[in-house]
Amino acid sequence: MAIAALWAMARNAQGQHLYVTDLRGVRLGFVSEFNASTGGAINADFIGALDSPSGIAVSGNVLFVTNTGRSGSIGKYDATTGKVIKADFITGLNGPRGIAVSGNVLFVTNTGRLNGRIGKYDAITGKAIKADFITGLNSPRGIAVSGNILFVTNVGQFNGRIGKYDATTGKAINASFITGLLGPVGLAVSDKDNNLYVAVERGHTVGKYNATSGKAITAKFITELEFPSGLALYGNTLFVTNSLSRGFVAEYDATTGAAIKGRFITGLSRPGGIAVKTANQD
């Protein structure tokens, strides 16, 4: 255990930053920046005056943030300074929530009211590659990409599920890859261990699944959460946002599910999305 702790500290000392979206009013939100080793605030108002921010993704020195409110947009920001690169980088979206980046491609969930969809966009220009890349979804929220595979949560009303899709064509590999979930919202995937982590909001748990077969490794991998929402994975650490009126971020061992620090970051309002930036992404 001591060796593992020292290893984790060494990894964390490499300049990790955590970015968390936080809704502090009816629609007014911010992105806050924290030290991923200590949980200390670097800048609580790193990016401000956002329109119901939800999903967040980092690529190199760029942050992408979804604005779920009336603007229905994605903003693009400098991950070091928080300065705006382009606030209306992508517009005309319908309730954008989750966002994932792979190379020069962005994938975005649109919850919509009748027909949820996934849009595919150029991460450099913001132009649509295909706005209706995947359609016919039921309130999609979380999204994660691993190689040429997309995983998408469908919150549904009673029977939430995870779909698995081809990231090049959008074709379903298995639209009901994991079923029977009570409000699946957040996703994180480990390429190293081939594990898929799912935040189940109304089930108050995080589940751990085999990313190839969809079989549960431990359906209730982390329990006694309040309303888990966003997930971010770095090395052997899993960060989980809990969306409440007094929200917080918790930190867990991604192998065992044991709490490293249950109240790692506190003082948040309604945290949602979370992303990790490491020193080698500068």
Protein backbone atom coordinates (compact mmCIF):
# COMPACT_ATOMS: atom_id res chain seq x y z
CA MET A 1 0.00 0.00 0.00
CA ALA A 2 2.84 2.39 0.81
CA ILE A 3 4.47 1.74 -2.56
CA ALA A 4 1.14 2.30 -4.32
CA ALA A 5 0.60 5.55 -2.45
CA LEU A 6 4.06 6.83 -3.36
CA TRP A 7 3.46 5.88 -7.00
CA ALA A 8 0.16 7.76 -7.01
CA MET A 9 1.78 10.82 -5.46
CA ALA A 10 4.51 10.79 -8.09
CA ARG A 11 1.94 10.60 -10.87
CA ASN A 12 -0.14 13.38 -9.31
CA ALA A 13 2.90 15.61 -8.90
CA GLN A 14 3.29 15.86 -12.66
CA GLY A 15 0.99 18.86 -12.95
CA GLN A 16 -2.48 17.40 -13.05
CA HIS A 17 -5.36 19.83 -13.20
CA LEU A 18 -9.02 19.05 -12.69
CA TYR A 19 -11.70 21.09 -14.45
CA VAL A 20 -15.25 20.90 -13.11
CA THR A 21 -18.43 22.51 -14.48
CA ASP A 22 -20.52 24.04 -11.70
CA LEU A 23 -24.06 25.40 -11.99
CA ARG A 24 -24.53 28.17 -9.43
CA GLY A 25 -27.90 29.56 -10.43
CA VAL A 26 -30.90 28.75 -12.59
CA ARG A 27 -28.69 28.74 -15.68
CA LEU A 28 -25.53 30.59 -14.68
CA GLY A 29 -22.48 28.36 -14.48
CA PHE A 30 -18.71 28.30 -14.27
CA VAL A 31 -15.74 26.05 -14.88
CA SER A 32 -13.53 25.72 -11.81
CA GLU A 33 -9.91 24.60 -11.84
CA PHE A 34 -8.36 22.49 -9.07
CA ASN A 35 -5.07 20.86 -8.19
CA ALA A 36 -5.68 17.15 -8.82
CA SER A 37 -3.13 16.12 -6.19
CA THR A 38 -4.48 18.13 -3.27
CA GLY A 39 -8.00 19.13 -4.36
CA GLY A 40 -7.12 22.75 -3.66
CA ALA A 41 -8.73 25.45 -5.79
CA ILE A 42 -6.49 27.05 -8.40
CA ASN A 43 -9.26 29.25 -9.77
CA ALA A 44 -12.89 28.71 -8.76
CA ASP A 45 -14.01 31.10 -11.52
CA PHE A 46 -11.63 29.86 -14.21
CA ILE A 47 -14.29 30.29 -16.92
CA GLY A 48 -17.41 32.25 -16.02
CA ALA A 49 -20.86 33.34 -17.14
CA LEU A 50 -21.68 30.09 -18.95
CA ASP A 51 -25.17 28.98 -19.92
CA SER A 52 -25.89 25.84 -17.86
CA PRO A 53 -22.53 24.18 -18.54
CA SER A 54 -22.59 20.41 -18.40
CA GLY A 55 -20.02 18.38 -20.35
CA ILE A 56 -16.33 19.20 -20.52
CA ALA A 57 -13.40 17.70 -22.42
CA VAL A 58 -9.72 18.60 -22.70
CA SER A 59 -7.40 18.05 -25.63
CA GLY A 60 -3.86 19.37 -25.45
CA ASN A 61 -4.20 22.91 -24.15
CA VAL A 62 -7.83 23.33 -25.23
CA LEU A 63 -11.01 22.95 -23.20
CA PHE A 64 -14.41 22.29 -24.80
CA VAL A 65 -17.51 23.03 -22.71
CA THR A 66 -21.16 22.33 -23.55
CA ASN A 67 -23.76 25.01 -22.77
CA THR A 68 -26.96 23.06 -22.20
CA GLY A 69 -29.23 26.10 -21.79
CA ARG A 70 -31.02 28.12 -24.43
CA SER A 71 -27.85 28.87 -26.34
CA GLY A 72 -27.30 25.17 -27.13
CA SER A 73 -23.62 25.63 -27.90
CA ILE A 74 -20.06 24.52 -27.29
CA GLY A 75 -17.37 26.95 -26.23
CA LYS A 76 -13.63 26.55 -26.82
CA TYR A 77 -11.13 27.88 -24.25
CA ASP A 78 -7.45 27.97 -23.39
CA ALA A 79 -6.86 25.30 -20.74
CA THR A 80 -3.99 27.24 -19.13
CA THR A 81 -5.48 30.72 -18.90
CA GLY A 82 -9.23 30.12 -19.26
CA LYS A 83 -9.36 32.74 -22.01
CA VAL A 84 -11.97 32.42 -24.69
CA ILE A 85 -10.79 30.99 -27.99
CA LYS A 86 -14.34 30.98 -29.36
CA ALA A 87 -17.39 31.08 -27.09
CA ASP A 88 -19.75 30.02 -29.90
CA PHE A 89 -17.46 27.41 -31.40
CA ILE A 90 -20.42 25.16 -32.26
CA THR A 91 -24.00 26.43 -32.19
CA GLY A 92 -27.53 25.28 -33.03
CA LEU A 93 -27.45 22.27 -30.71
CA ASN A 94 -30.45 20.89 -28.83
CA GLY A 95 -29.60 20.38 -25.18
CA PRO A 96 -25.93 19.38 -25.56
CA ARG A 97 -24.71 17.49 -22.51
CA GLY A 98 -21.82 15.06 -22.86
CA ILE A 99 -18.74 15.67 -24.97
CA ALA A 100 -15.77 13.53 -25.95
CA VAL A 101 -12.74 14.33 -28.07
CA SER A 102 -10.61 11.96 -30.13
CA GLY A 103 -7.82 13.49 -32.17
CA ASN A 104 -9.41 16.25 -34.23
CA VAL A 105 -12.97 15.01 -33.76
CA LEU A 106 -15.60 16.03 -31.21
CA PHE A 107 -18.60 13.86 -30.34
CA VAL A 108 -21.53 15.58 -28.59
CA THR A 109 -24.74 14.22 -27.10
CA ASN A 110 -27.91 16.22 -27.82
CA THR A 111 -30.61 15.27 -25.30
CA GLY A 112 -33.43 16.93 -27.24
CA ARG A 113 -37.06 16.43 -26.25
CA LEU A 114 -38.18 13.82 -28.75
CA ASN A 115 -35.18 12.41 -30.57
CA GLY A 116 -31.78 12.39 -28.93
CA ARG A 117 -28.73 12.26 -31.17
CA ILE A 118 -24.95 12.33 -31.33
CA GLY A 119 -23.23 14.98 -33.43
CA LYS A 120 -19.74 14.66 -34.89
CA TYR A 121 -17.67 17.82 -35.45
CA ASP A 122 -14.22 18.98 -36.46
CA ALA A 123 -12.39 19.93 -33.25
CA ILE A 124 -10.22 22.48 -35.08
CA THR A 125 -12.85 24.38 -37.08
CA GLY A 126 -16.10 23.49 -35.31
CA LYS A 127 -17.68 22.50 -38.61
CA ALA A 128 -20.13 19.62 -38.61
CA ILE A 129 -18.79 16.36 -39.97
CA LYS A 130 -22.26 14.93 -39.42
CA ALA A 131 -24.70 16.64 -37.04
CA ASP A 132 -26.98 13.56 -37.01
CA PHE A 133 -24.19 11.02 -36.66
CA ILE A 134 -26.25 8.73 -34.40
CA THR A 135 -30.00 9.21 -33.98
CA GLY A 136 -33.00 7.63 -32.27
CA LEU A 137 -31.56 7.82 -28.76
CA ASN A 138 -33.50 8.27 -25.53
CA SER A 139 -32.08 11.23 -23.61
CA PRO A 140 -28.37 10.57 -24.24
CA ARG A 141 -26.13 12.17 -21.62
CA GLY A 142 -22.68 10.68 -21.13
CA ILE A 143 -20.27 9.76 -23.90
CA ALA A 144 -16.81 8.19 -23.99
CA VAL A 145 -14.52 7.20 -26.85
CA SER A 146 -11.97 4.40 -26.91
CA GLY A 147 -10.11 3.82 -30.15
CA ASN A 148 -12.82 3.43 -32.77
CA ILE A 149 -15.60 2.74 -30.27
CA LEU A 150 -18.17 5.17 -28.83
CA PHE A 151 -20.06 4.42 -25.63
CA VAL A 152 -23.23 6.46 -25.02
CA THR A 153 -25.64 6.54 -22.07
CA ASN A 154 -29.39 6.56 -22.72
CA VAL A 155 -31.03 7.77 -19.53
CA GLY A 156 -34.53 6.66 -20.56
CA GLN A 157 -37.42 6.71 -18.13
CA PHE A 158 -37.34 3.26 -16.57
CA ASN A 159 -34.71 1.16 -18.35
CA GLY A 160 -31.52 3.11 -18.92
CA ARG A 161 -28.86 1.59 -21.10
CA ILE A 162 -25.43 2.02 -22.64
CA GLY A 163 -25.05 1.82 -26.41
CA LYS A 164 -21.87 0.86 -28.26
CA TYR A 165 -21.17 2.36 -31.71
CA ASP A 166 -18.58 2.55 -34.44
CA ALA A 167 -16.87 5.95 -34.08
CA THR A 168 -16.14 6.17 -37.82
CA THR A 169 -19.53 5.23 -39.29
CA GLY A 170 -21.93 5.74 -36.37
CA LYS A 171 -23.37 2.27 -36.90
CA ALA A 172 -24.58 0.44 -33.83
CA ILE A 173 -22.34 -2.37 -32.63
CA ASN A 174 -24.81 -3.02 -29.83
CA ALA A 175 -27.42 -0.35 -29.03
CA SER A 176 -28.29 -2.24 -25.83
CA PHE A 177 -24.74 -3.06 -24.77
CA ILE A 178 -25.57 -2.67 -21.04
CA THR A 179 -29.19 -2.52 -19.87
CA GLY A 180 -31.27 -2.27 -16.71
CA LEU A 181 -29.61 0.89 -15.39
CA LEU A 182 -31.46 3.48 -13.31
CA GLY A 183 -30.40 6.80 -14.79
CA PRO A 184 -26.96 6.24 -16.36
CA VAL A 185 -25.35 9.64 -16.93
CA GLY A 186 -21.55 9.69 -16.78
CA LEU A 187 -18.96 7.48 -18.47
CA ALA A 188 -15.23 6.87 -18.29
CA VAL A 189 -13.29 4.18 -20.14
CA SER A 190 -9.87 2.72 -19.36
CA ASP A 191 -8.01 1.60 -22.48
CA LYS A 192 -5.31 0.03 -20.34
CA ASP A 193 -7.61 -2.24 -18.35
CA ASN A 194 -10.53 -2.45 -20.81
CA ASN A 195 -12.94 -1.25 -18.12
CA LEU A 196 -15.98 0.95 -18.54
CA TYR A 197 -17.19 2.98 -15.56
CA VAL A 198 -20.80 4.18 -15.44
CA ALA A 199 -22.26 6.79 -13.07
CA VAL A 200 -25.86 5.78 -12.32
CA GLU A 201 -27.55 8.88 -10.98
CA ARG A 202 -30.82 7.49 -9.60
CA GLY A 203 -29.11 4.29 -8.49
CA HIS A 204 -26.58 6.36 -6.49
CA THR A 205 -23.75 4.13 -7.67
CA VAL A 206 -20.85 3.79 -10.09
CA GLY A 207 -20.70 0.47 -11.94
CA LYS A 208 -17.67 -1.19 -13.49
CA TYR A 209 -18.07 -3.24 -16.70
CA ASN A 210 -15.99 -5.07 -19.25
CA ALA A 211 -15.70 -2.68 -22.21
CA THR A 212 -15.62 -5.54 -24.74
CA SER A 213 -18.45 -7.76 -23.52
CA GLY A 214 -20.53 -5.35 -21.44
CA LYS A 215 -20.60 -7.86 -18.59
CA ALA A 216 -20.63 -6.43 -15.10
CA ILE A 217 -17.37 -6.70 -13.21
CA THR A 218 -19.08 -5.06 -10.24
CA ALA A 219 -22.42 -3.39 -10.96
CA LYS A 220 -22.23 -1.58 -7.62
CA PHE A 221 -18.53 -0.81 -7.72
CA ILE A 222 -18.93 2.39 -5.70
CA THR A 223 -22.03 2.78 -3.53
CA GLU A 224 -23.66 5.22 -1.14
CA LEU A 225 -23.17 8.13 -3.50
CA GLU A 226 -25.69 10.94 -3.62
CA PHE A 227 -26.25 11.89 -7.26
CA PRO A 228 -23.11 10.87 -9.18
CA SER A 229 -22.82 12.65 -12.50
CA GLY A 230 -19.42 13.17 -14.12
CA LEU A 231 -16.50 10.75 -14.19
CA ALA A 232 -12.83 11.32 -14.97
CA LEU A 233 -10.14 8.69 -14.93
CA TYR A 234 -6.41 9.24 -14.53
CA GLY A 235 -4.08 6.33 -13.95
CA ASN A 236 -5.60 4.33 -11.11
CA THR A 237 -7.71 7.19 -9.78
CA LEU A 238 -11.38 7.75 -10.54
CA PHE A 239 -12.89 11.17 -9.84
CA VAL A 240 -16.68 11.41 -9.38
CA THR A 241 -18.81 14.55 -9.24
CA ASN A 242 -21.85 14.51 -6.96
CA SER A 243 -24.53 16.94 -8.13
CA LEU A 244 -26.38 18.36 -5.16
CA SER A 245 -27.15 21.81 -3.78
CA ARG A 246 -23.86 21.42 -1.91
CA GLY A 247 -21.99 19.35 -4.42
CA PHE A 248 -18.55 17.81 -4.19
CA VAL A 249 -15.99 15.70 -6.02
CA ALA A 250 -14.93 12.33 -4.58
CA GLU A 251 -11.77 10.35 -5.32
CA TYR A 252 -11.62 6.54 -5.57
CA ASP A 253 -9.24 3.72 -6.37
CA ALA A 254 -10.20 2.61 -9.90
CA THR A 255 -9.15 -1.00 -9.20
CA THR A 256 -10.83 -1.66 -5.86
CA GLY A 257 -13.47 1.07 -5.62
CA ALA A 258 -12.13 2.07 -2.21
CA ALA A 259 -12.44 5.73 -1.30
CA ILE A 260 -9.18 7.64 -1.42
CA LYS A 261 -10.98 10.76 -0.25
CA GLY A 262 -14.77 10.87 -0.23
CA ARG A 263 -14.88 14.67 -0.03
CA PHE A 264 -11.88 15.50 -2.18
CA ILE A 265 -13.25 18.84 -3.41
CA THR A 266 -16.07 20.57 -1.55
CA GLY A 267 -17.84 23.93 -1.63
CA LEU A 268 -19.34 23.38 -5.09
CA SER A 269 -22.93 24.13 -6.00
CA ARG A 270 -24.09 21.63 -8.65
CA PRO A 271 -21.01 20.08 -10.27
CA GLY A 272 -21.54 18.10 -13.45
CA GLY A 273 -18.78 17.46 -15.96
CA ILE A 274 -15.18 16.81 -14.99
CA ALA A 275 -11.96 16.50 -17.01
CA VAL A 276 -8.28 15.93 -16.20
CA LYS A 277 -5.34 17.67 -17.84
CA THR A 278 -1.83 16.32 -17.24
CA ALA A 279 1.55 17.96 -17.69
CA ASN A 280 2.27 16.02 -20.88
CA GLN A 281 -0.81 17.61 -22.49
CA ASP A 282 0.72 21.10 -22.35
